[in-house]
Amino acid sequence: THHVLYCLGCCWGLMLALIALGLMNPVWMGAIALLIFIEKAMPGGARFALFIGAALILAGVGIAFGWI
């Protein structure tokens, strides 16, 4: 139970986002979950997280300005 409570406490926002994505489109939920898995479980996950973070920021800026 300690691990469950710790995981829920630190990742509640991520879990909430995955639930919302799953309700809208299960394929997107699976894609985001796969990215998270790669970041957490694979070697070089920290570098991968930086790349994905930068890509998401650029996509958000592109959407905000109507470029995408």
C-alpha atoms as a PDB file:
ATOM      1  CA  THR A   1       0.000   0.000   0.000  1.00  0.00           C
ATOM      2  CA  HIS A   2       2.918   2.349   0.631  1.00  0.00           C
ATOM      3  CA  HIS A   3       4.063   2.122  -2.995  1.00  0.00           C
ATOM      4  CA  VAL A   4       0.508   2.655  -4.276  1.00  0.00           C
ATOM      5  CA  LEU A   5       0.022   5.756  -2.137  1.00  0.00           C
ATOM      6  CA  TYR A   6       3.426   7.142  -3.135  1.00  0.00           C
ATOM      7  CA  CYS A   7       2.739   6.557  -6.841  1.00  0.00           C
ATOM      8  CA  LEU A   8      -0.723   8.075  -6.597  1.00  0.00           C
ATOM      9  CA  GLY A   9       0.635  11.077  -4.694  1.00  0.00           C
ATOM     10  CA  CYS A  10       3.400  11.916  -7.133  1.00  0.00           C
ATOM     11  CA  CYS A  11       1.645  11.034 -10.398  1.00  0.00           C
ATOM     12  CA  TRP A  12      -1.985  12.017  -9.838  1.00  0.00           C
ATOM     13  CA  GLY A  13      -1.872  14.666 -12.581  1.00  0.00           C
ATOM     14  CA  LEU A  14      -0.432  12.199 -15.068  1.00  0.00           C
ATOM     15  CA  MET A  15      -3.050   9.593 -14.158  1.00  0.00           C
ATOM     16  CA  LEU A  16      -5.811  12.165 -14.545  1.00  0.00           C
ATOM     17  CA  ALA A  17      -4.496  13.165 -17.982  1.00  0.00           C
ATOM     18  CA  LEU A  18      -4.323   9.519 -19.109  1.00  0.00           C
ATOM     19  CA  ILE A  19      -7.892   8.893 -17.946  1.00  0.00           C
ATOM     20  CA  ALA A  20      -9.110  11.955 -19.849  1.00  0.00           C
ATOM     21  CA  LEU A  21      -7.169  10.893 -22.963  1.00  0.00           C
ATOM     22  CA  GLY A  22      -8.573   7.377 -22.663  1.00  0.00           C
ATOM     23  CA  LEU A  23     -12.117   8.703 -22.560  1.00  0.00           C
ATOM     24  CA  MET A  24     -11.509  10.822 -25.665  1.00  0.00           C
ATOM     25  CA  ASN A  25      -9.324   8.477 -27.709  1.00  0.00           C
ATOM     26  CA  PRO A  26      -7.740   5.236 -26.446  1.00  0.00           C
ATOM     27  CA  VAL A  27      -5.087   5.355 -29.185  1.00  0.00           C
ATOM     28  CA  TRP A  28      -3.746   8.692 -27.873  1.00  0.00           C
ATOM     29  CA  MET A  29      -3.815   7.345 -24.329  1.00  0.00           C
ATOM     30  CA  GLY A  30      -1.759   4.352 -25.447  1.00  0.00           C
ATOM     31  CA  ALA A  31       0.703   6.563 -27.320  1.00  0.00           C
ATOM     32  CA  ILE A  32       1.278   8.832 -24.325  1.00  0.00           C
ATOM     33  CA  ALA A  33       1.550   5.824 -21.995  1.00  0.00           C
ATOM     34  CA  LEU A  34       4.165   4.325 -24.333  1.00  0.00           C
ATOM     35  CA  LEU A  35       6.177   7.565 -24.266  1.00  0.00           C
ATOM     36  CA  ILE A  36       6.030   7.576 -20.466  1.00  0.00           C
ATOM     37  CA  PHE A  37       7.124   3.933 -20.349  1.00  0.00           C
ATOM     38  CA  ILE A  38      10.097   4.639 -22.611  1.00  0.00           C
ATOM     39  CA  GLU A  39      11.063   7.618 -20.472  1.00  0.00           C
ATOM     40  CA  LYS A  40      10.891   5.669 -17.208  1.00  0.00           C
ATOM     41  CA  ALA A  41      12.119   2.197 -18.174  1.00  0.00           C
ATOM     42  CA  MET A  42      14.642   2.521 -20.986  1.00  0.00           C
ATOM     43  CA  PRO A  43      18.280   3.597 -20.761  1.00  0.00           C
ATOM     44  CA  GLY A  44      18.666   7.219 -21.802  1.00  0.00           C
ATOM     45  CA  GLY A  45      15.137   8.029 -20.679  1.00  0.00           C
ATOM     46  CA  ALA A  46      16.173  11.418 -19.305  1.00  0.00           C
ATOM     47  CA  ARG A  47      17.462  12.530 -22.719  1.00  0.00           C
ATOM     48  CA  PHE A  48      14.332  11.145 -24.353  1.00  0.00           C
ATOM     49  CA  ALA A  49      12.197  13.120 -21.874  1.00  0.00           C
ATOM     50  CA  LEU A  50      13.996  16.347 -22.796  1.00  0.00           C
ATOM     51  CA  PHE A  51      13.399  15.697 -26.500  1.00  0.00           C
ATOM     52  CA  ILE A  52       9.714  14.873 -26.007  1.00  0.00           C
ATOM     53  CA  GLY A  53       9.258  17.874 -23.701  1.00  0.00           C
ATOM     54  CA  ALA A  54      10.762  20.230 -26.263  1.00  0.00           C
ATOM     55  CA  ALA A  55       8.625  18.716 -29.029  1.00  0.00           C
ATOM     56  CA  LEU A  56       5.456  19.142 -26.956  1.00  0.00           C
ATOM     57  CA  ILE A  57       6.328  22.748 -26.129  1.00  0.00           C
ATOM     58  CA  LEU A  58       6.930  23.523 -29.803  1.00  0.00           C
ATOM     59  CA  ALA A  59       3.667  21.828 -30.742  1.00  0.00           C
ATOM     60  CA  GLY A  60       1.816  23.863 -28.105  1.00  0.00           C
ATOM     61  CA  VAL A  61       3.307  27.109 -29.386  1.00  0.00           C
ATOM     62  CA  GLY A  62       2.438  26.090 -32.954  1.00  0.00           C
ATOM     63  CA  ILE A  63      -1.160  25.364 -31.977  1.00  0.00           C
ATOM     64  CA  ALA A  64      -1.418  28.627 -29.980  1.00  0.00           C
ATOM     65  CA  PHE A  65      -0.268  30.684 -32.972  1.00  0.00           C
ATOM     66  CA  GLY A  66      -2.250  28.675 -35.513  1.00  0.00           C
ATOM     67  CA  TRP A  67       0.765  27.253 -37.307  1.00  0.00           C
ATOM     68  CA  ILE A  68      -0.418  23.657 -36.788  1.00  0.00           C
END
